[in-house]
Amino acid sequence: MRYLLSWHIREAELHDRTPAWREEIVAFLARFEDELFLSSELDWVEVLDPESQAIVVGPGGDVRPGYYNEGGKPSARVWAIRVENKERAREIAATFAGQLDTWIEVRESLPGAQRP
């Protein structure tokens, strides 16, 4: 089963954290992502620009600064994992949530096909 895990945090929240916390998190992410990769559970990870660099493109090509869900926190990092079951996805998310001190969004990646 494939799942996407998402970490949502505002840029200001990251800046409010101590340098020691940021260093600890970088070390944790490098270590834990390596472990998941070695166990063949991590397909890929994306680290996203902060929301100050985001734009939204609307119908007709209109462009505005910001991220789509302005009422919520923007995505900061996304992991694609491949695990045996939903419980394992929850375990991985709980590890991220515990270290990052936040909630992690978990969604199953549903199989699909493109059709002409």
N, C-alpha and C. Protein backbone atom coordinates (compact mmCIF):
# COMPACT_ATOMS: atom_id res chain seq x y z
N MET A 1 0.84 -1.17 0.00
CA MET A 1 0.00 0.00 0.00
C MET A 1 0.89 1.25 0.00
N ARG A 2 0.45 2.24 -0.73
CA ARG A 2 1.23 3.48 -0.81
C ARG A 2 0.49 4.60 -0.08
N TYR A 3 1.27 5.41 0.61
CA TYR A 3 0.72 6.54 1.36
C TYR A 3 1.57 7.78 1.13
N LEU A 4 0.92 8.94 1.21
CA LEU A 4 1.62 10.21 1.24
C LEU A 4 1.50 10.77 2.66
N LEU A 5 2.62 11.17 3.21
CA LEU A 5 2.65 11.82 4.51
C LEU A 5 3.06 13.25 4.27
N SER A 6 2.37 14.20 4.89
CA SER A 6 2.64 15.61 4.67
C SER A 6 2.87 16.32 5.99
N TRP A 7 3.91 17.15 6.02
CA TRP A 7 4.21 18.00 7.16
C TRP A 7 3.80 19.41 6.78
N HIS A 8 2.90 20.01 7.53
CA HIS A 8 2.42 21.37 7.27
C HIS A 8 2.91 22.28 8.39
N ILE A 9 3.58 23.37 8.01
CA ILE A 9 4.08 24.32 9.00
C ILE A 9 4.28 25.67 8.33
N ARG A 10 4.02 26.72 9.07
CA ARG A 10 4.24 28.06 8.54
C ARG A 10 5.71 28.43 8.68
N GLU A 11 6.17 29.22 7.74
CA GLU A 11 7.55 29.69 7.72
C GLU A 11 7.91 30.37 9.05
N ALA A 12 7.01 31.19 9.56
CA ALA A 12 7.27 31.91 10.81
C ALA A 12 7.46 30.94 11.98
N GLU A 13 6.72 29.83 11.97
CA GLU A 13 6.87 28.84 13.04
C GLU A 13 8.26 28.23 13.03
N LEU A 14 8.81 28.00 11.85
CA LEU A 14 10.17 27.45 11.77
C LEU A 14 11.19 28.47 12.29
N HIS A 15 10.98 29.74 11.95
CA HIS A 15 11.90 30.77 12.41
C HIS A 15 11.82 30.99 13.92
N ASP A 16 10.65 30.70 14.50
CA ASP A 16 10.48 30.87 15.95
C ASP A 16 11.16 29.76 16.76
N ARG A 17 11.47 28.64 16.11
CA ARG A 17 12.14 27.54 16.80
C ARG A 17 13.62 27.87 17.00
N THR A 18 14.22 27.24 17.98
CA THR A 18 15.63 27.52 18.28
C THR A 18 16.53 26.90 17.22
N PRO A 19 17.72 27.46 17.04
CA PRO A 19 18.68 26.83 16.13
C PRO A 19 19.00 25.39 16.53
N ALA A 20 19.05 25.11 17.82
CA ALA A 20 19.32 23.75 18.29
C ALA A 20 18.21 22.79 17.85
N TRP A 21 16.94 23.24 17.93
CA TRP A 21 15.82 22.41 17.49
C TRP A 21 15.93 22.13 16.00
N ARG A 22 16.24 23.16 15.23
CA ARG A 22 16.35 22.98 13.77
C ARG A 22 17.47 22.01 13.42
N GLU A 23 18.60 22.11 14.10
CA GLU A 23 19.70 21.17 13.86
C GLU A 23 19.30 19.75 14.23
N GLU A 24 18.61 19.61 15.35
CA GLU A 24 18.15 18.27 15.78
C GLU A 24 17.20 17.67 14.76
N ILE A 25 16.30 18.49 14.22
CA ILE A 25 15.32 18.01 13.24
C ILE A 25 16.00 17.61 11.93
N VAL A 26 16.94 18.40 11.47
CA VAL A 26 17.67 18.06 10.24
C VAL A 26 18.38 16.71 10.42
N ALA A 27 19.02 16.51 11.57
CA ALA A 27 19.72 15.25 11.83
C ALA A 27 18.73 14.09 11.90
N PHE A 28 17.60 14.30 12.58
CA PHE A 28 16.58 13.25 12.67
C PHE A 28 16.05 12.89 11.29
N LEU A 29 15.69 13.89 10.49
CA LEU A 29 15.12 13.62 9.17
C LEU A 29 16.12 12.86 8.29
N ALA A 30 17.36 13.25 8.32
CA ALA A 30 18.38 12.54 7.52
C ALA A 30 18.48 11.09 7.95
N ARG A 31 18.52 10.85 9.25
CA ARG A 31 18.66 9.49 9.78
C ARG A 31 17.40 8.64 9.50
N PHE A 32 16.22 9.18 9.84
CA PHE A 32 15.00 8.39 9.71
C PHE A 32 14.64 8.15 8.24
N GLU A 33 14.82 9.15 7.40
CA GLU A 33 14.55 8.95 5.97
C GLU A 33 15.50 7.91 5.38
N ASP A 34 16.76 7.90 5.80
CA ASP A 34 17.70 6.86 5.36
C ASP A 34 17.24 5.47 5.80
N GLU A 35 16.77 5.37 7.04
CA GLU A 35 16.27 4.08 7.54
C GLU A 35 15.09 3.59 6.71
N LEU A 36 14.16 4.50 6.42
CA LEU A 36 12.99 4.12 5.61
C LEU A 36 13.41 3.73 4.19
N PHE A 37 14.38 4.43 3.64
CA PHE A 37 14.87 4.10 2.30
C PHE A 37 15.52 2.72 2.30
N LEU A 38 16.36 2.44 3.29
CA LEU A 38 17.05 1.15 3.36
C LEU A 38 16.08 -0.01 3.57
N SER A 39 14.95 0.25 4.23
CA SER A 39 13.95 -0.81 4.43
C SER A 39 12.97 -0.88 3.26
N SER A 40 13.23 -0.11 2.20
CA SER A 40 12.39 -0.06 0.99
C SER A 40 10.99 0.48 1.27
N GLU A 41 10.84 1.27 2.33
CA GLU A 41 9.53 1.85 2.63
C GLU A 41 9.40 3.28 2.11
N LEU A 42 10.50 3.94 1.81
CA LEU A 42 10.45 5.31 1.30
C LEU A 42 10.66 5.30 -0.21
N ASP A 43 9.65 5.76 -0.95
CA ASP A 43 9.78 5.90 -2.40
C ASP A 43 10.49 7.19 -2.74
N TRP A 44 10.05 8.31 -2.15
CA TRP A 44 10.67 9.60 -2.40
C TRP A 44 10.24 10.59 -1.34
N VAL A 45 10.97 11.69 -1.25
CA VAL A 45 10.65 12.79 -0.35
C VAL A 45 10.87 14.09 -1.09
N GLU A 46 10.00 15.06 -0.84
CA GLU A 46 10.13 16.39 -1.42
C GLU A 46 10.16 17.41 -0.30
N VAL A 47 11.11 18.32 -0.37
CA VAL A 47 11.17 19.45 0.55
C VAL A 47 10.74 20.66 -0.26
N LEU A 48 9.73 21.38 0.25
CA LEU A 48 9.14 22.47 -0.51
C LEU A 48 9.64 23.83 -0.03
N ASP A 49 9.69 24.79 -0.96
CA ASP A 49 9.98 26.18 -0.62
C ASP A 49 9.00 26.64 0.45
N PRO A 50 9.38 27.63 1.25
CA PRO A 50 8.42 28.18 2.21
C PRO A 50 7.29 28.91 1.49
N GLU A 51 6.22 29.17 2.23
CA GLU A 51 5.05 29.79 1.60
C GLU A 51 5.33 31.17 1.02
N SER A 52 6.37 31.85 1.49
CA SER A 52 6.71 33.17 0.94
C SER A 52 7.16 33.07 -0.51
N GLN A 53 7.52 31.89 -0.97
CA GLN A 53 7.95 31.69 -2.35
C GLN A 53 6.86 31.10 -3.23
N ALA A 54 5.70 30.78 -2.65
CA ALA A 54 4.63 30.11 -3.39
C ALA A 54 3.80 31.11 -4.20
N ILE A 55 3.26 30.61 -5.30
CA ILE A 55 2.27 31.34 -6.08
C ILE A 55 1.10 30.40 -6.34
N VAL A 56 -0.03 30.99 -6.66
CA VAL A 56 -1.21 30.22 -7.03
C VAL A 56 -1.64 30.70 -8.41
N VAL A 57 -1.89 29.77 -9.31
CA VAL A 57 -2.33 30.09 -10.66
C VAL A 57 -3.79 29.67 -10.78
N GLY A 58 -4.62 30.60 -11.22
CA GLY A 58 -6.04 30.33 -11.31
C GLY A 58 -6.53 30.17 -12.73
N PRO A 59 -7.84 30.00 -12.88
CA PRO A 59 -8.42 29.89 -14.22
C PRO A 59 -8.08 31.13 -15.03
N GLY A 60 -7.77 30.93 -16.27
CA GLY A 60 -7.40 32.05 -17.13
C GLY A 60 -5.97 32.49 -16.97
N GLY A 61 -5.20 31.76 -16.12
CA GLY A 61 -3.80 32.08 -15.97
C GLY A 61 -3.49 33.17 -14.95
N ASP A 62 -4.51 33.63 -14.22
CA ASP A 62 -4.26 34.64 -13.19
C ASP A 62 -3.29 34.08 -12.15
N VAL A 63 -2.35 34.92 -11.70
CA VAL A 63 -1.34 34.51 -10.74
C VAL A 63 -1.41 35.42 -9.53
N ARG A 64 -1.32 34.82 -8.34
CA ARG A 64 -1.23 35.62 -7.13
C ARG A 64 -0.22 34.97 -6.20
N PRO A 65 0.41 35.78 -5.35
CA PRO A 65 1.34 35.20 -4.38
C PRO A 65 0.58 34.45 -3.31
N GLY A 66 1.24 33.49 -2.69
CA GLY A 66 0.63 32.74 -1.60
C GLY A 66 0.45 31.28 -1.94
N TYR A 67 -0.07 30.53 -1.00
CA TYR A 67 -0.36 29.11 -1.21
C TYR A 67 -1.86 28.92 -1.22
N TYR A 68 -2.31 27.81 -1.74
CA TYR A 68 -3.73 27.61 -2.02
C TYR A 68 -4.59 27.65 -0.77
N ASN A 69 -4.20 26.93 0.26
CA ASN A 69 -5.00 26.82 1.47
C ASN A 69 -4.56 27.88 2.48
N GLU A 70 -4.84 29.13 2.21
CA GLU A 70 -4.36 30.20 3.08
C GLU A 70 -4.94 30.14 4.48
N GLY A 71 -6.05 29.45 4.67
CA GLY A 71 -6.63 29.31 6.00
C GLY A 71 -5.90 28.29 6.85
N GLY A 72 -5.10 27.45 6.24
CA GLY A 72 -4.37 26.41 6.96
C GLY A 72 -2.88 26.58 6.80
N LYS A 73 -2.15 25.62 7.29
CA LYS A 73 -0.69 25.67 7.17
C LYS A 73 -0.26 25.10 5.82
N PRO A 74 0.74 25.68 5.20
CA PRO A 74 1.23 25.17 3.92
C PRO A 74 2.06 23.90 4.11
N SER A 75 2.14 23.10 3.07
CA SER A 75 3.00 21.91 3.10
C SER A 75 4.46 22.35 3.11
N ALA A 76 5.26 21.66 3.91
CA ALA A 76 6.70 21.93 3.97
C ALA A 76 7.50 20.75 3.44
N ARG A 77 6.98 19.54 3.64
CA ARG A 77 7.71 18.34 3.25
C ARG A 77 6.68 17.24 3.00
N VAL A 78 6.93 16.41 1.98
CA VAL A 78 6.02 15.32 1.63
C VAL A 78 6.85 14.06 1.43
N TRP A 79 6.38 12.96 2.04
CA TRP A 79 7.04 11.66 1.88
C TRP A 79 6.08 10.71 1.18
N ALA A 80 6.56 9.96 0.20
CA ALA A 80 5.79 8.88 -0.41
C ALA A 80 6.36 7.59 0.13
N ILE A 81 5.52 6.83 0.81
CA ILE A 81 5.99 5.58 1.41
C ILE A 81 5.21 4.40 0.85
N ARG A 82 5.83 3.24 0.90
CA ARG A 82 5.21 1.99 0.45
C ARG A 82 5.34 1.01 1.61
N VAL A 83 4.20 0.66 2.22
CA VAL A 83 4.21 -0.18 3.42
C VAL A 83 3.19 -1.31 3.30
N GLU A 84 3.30 -2.27 4.20
CA GLU A 84 2.41 -3.45 4.18
C GLU A 84 0.95 -3.09 4.47
N ASN A 85 0.74 -2.13 5.41
CA ASN A 85 -0.62 -1.84 5.84
C ASN A 85 -0.72 -0.43 6.41
N LYS A 86 -1.96 -0.04 6.69
CA LYS A 86 -2.23 1.31 7.19
C LYS A 86 -1.59 1.52 8.56
N GLU A 87 -1.54 0.50 9.37
CA GLU A 87 -0.95 0.62 10.70
C GLU A 87 0.53 1.03 10.61
N ARG A 88 1.26 0.46 9.66
CA ARG A 88 2.67 0.83 9.50
C ARG A 88 2.79 2.29 9.06
N ALA A 89 1.91 2.74 8.18
CA ALA A 89 1.91 4.14 7.77
C ALA A 89 1.67 5.04 8.98
N ARG A 90 0.77 4.63 9.86
CA ARG A 90 0.50 5.39 11.08
C ARG A 90 1.72 5.40 12.01
N GLU A 91 2.42 4.28 12.11
CA GLU A 91 3.62 4.22 12.94
C GLU A 91 4.68 5.21 12.45
N ILE A 92 4.89 5.22 11.13
CA ILE A 92 5.88 6.14 10.54
C ILE A 92 5.45 7.58 10.78
N ALA A 93 4.17 7.87 10.54
CA ALA A 93 3.65 9.22 10.77
C ALA A 93 3.81 9.63 12.23
N ALA A 94 3.59 8.70 13.14
CA ALA A 94 3.72 9.00 14.58
C ALA A 94 5.17 9.33 14.93
N THR A 95 6.11 8.67 14.30
CA THR A 95 7.53 8.98 14.54
C THR A 95 7.85 10.39 14.06
N PHE A 96 7.40 10.73 12.85
CA PHE A 96 7.61 12.09 12.35
C PHE A 96 6.91 13.10 13.27
N ALA A 97 5.66 12.83 13.62
CA ALA A 97 4.89 13.76 14.46
C ALA A 97 5.56 13.98 15.81
N GLY A 98 6.06 12.91 16.40
CA GLY A 98 6.71 13.04 17.70
C GLY A 98 7.97 13.88 17.65
N GLN A 99 8.78 13.67 16.63
CA GLN A 99 10.02 14.43 16.51
C GLN A 99 9.78 15.87 16.08
N LEU A 100 8.83 16.08 15.17
CA LEU A 100 8.56 17.41 14.65
C LEU A 100 7.60 18.20 15.54
N ASP A 101 7.00 17.52 16.53
CA ASP A 101 6.07 18.14 17.46
C ASP A 101 4.89 18.79 16.74
N THR A 102 4.28 18.02 15.85
CA THR A 102 3.16 18.53 15.06
C THR A 102 2.34 17.36 14.54
N TRP A 103 1.26 17.66 13.89
CA TRP A 103 0.44 16.64 13.24
C TRP A 103 1.00 16.36 11.85
N ILE A 104 0.88 15.10 11.41
CA ILE A 104 1.29 14.68 10.07
C ILE A 104 0.05 14.16 9.34
N GLU A 105 -0.18 14.70 8.17
CA GLU A 105 -1.32 14.24 7.35
C GLU A 105 -0.94 12.94 6.66
N VAL A 106 -1.83 11.95 6.71
CA VAL A 106 -1.61 10.64 6.08
C VAL A 106 -2.75 10.38 5.11
N ARG A 107 -2.40 10.07 3.87
CA ARG A 107 -3.40 9.73 2.87
C ARG A 107 -2.91 8.57 2.03
N GLU A 108 -3.79 7.63 1.81
CA GLU A 108 -3.43 6.52 0.92
C GLU A 108 -3.39 7.03 -0.50
N SER A 109 -2.39 6.58 -1.26
CA SER A 109 -2.30 6.89 -2.69
C SER A 109 -3.07 5.81 -3.42
N LEU A 110 -4.18 6.21 -4.01
CA LEU A 110 -5.06 5.24 -4.66
C LEU A 110 -4.56 4.91 -6.06
N PRO A 111 -4.71 3.66 -6.46
CA PRO A 111 -4.29 3.32 -7.82
C PRO A 111 -5.19 4.01 -8.83
N GLY A 112 -4.62 4.39 -9.92
CA GLY A 112 -5.41 5.06 -10.95
C GLY A 112 -4.71 4.91 -12.28
N ALA A 113 -5.42 5.26 -13.30
CA ALA A 113 -4.85 5.19 -14.65
C ALA A 113 -5.27 6.41 -15.42
N GLN A 114 -4.40 6.86 -16.28
CA GLN A 114 -4.75 7.98 -17.15
C GLN A 114 -5.41 7.42 -18.39
N ARG A 115 -6.43 8.09 -18.81
CA ARG A 115 -7.13 7.66 -20.02
C ARG A 115 -7.16 8.83 -21.01
N PRO A 116 -7.11 8.50 -22.28
CA PRO A 116 -7.16 9.59 -23.27
C PRO A 116 -8.49 10.30 -23.27
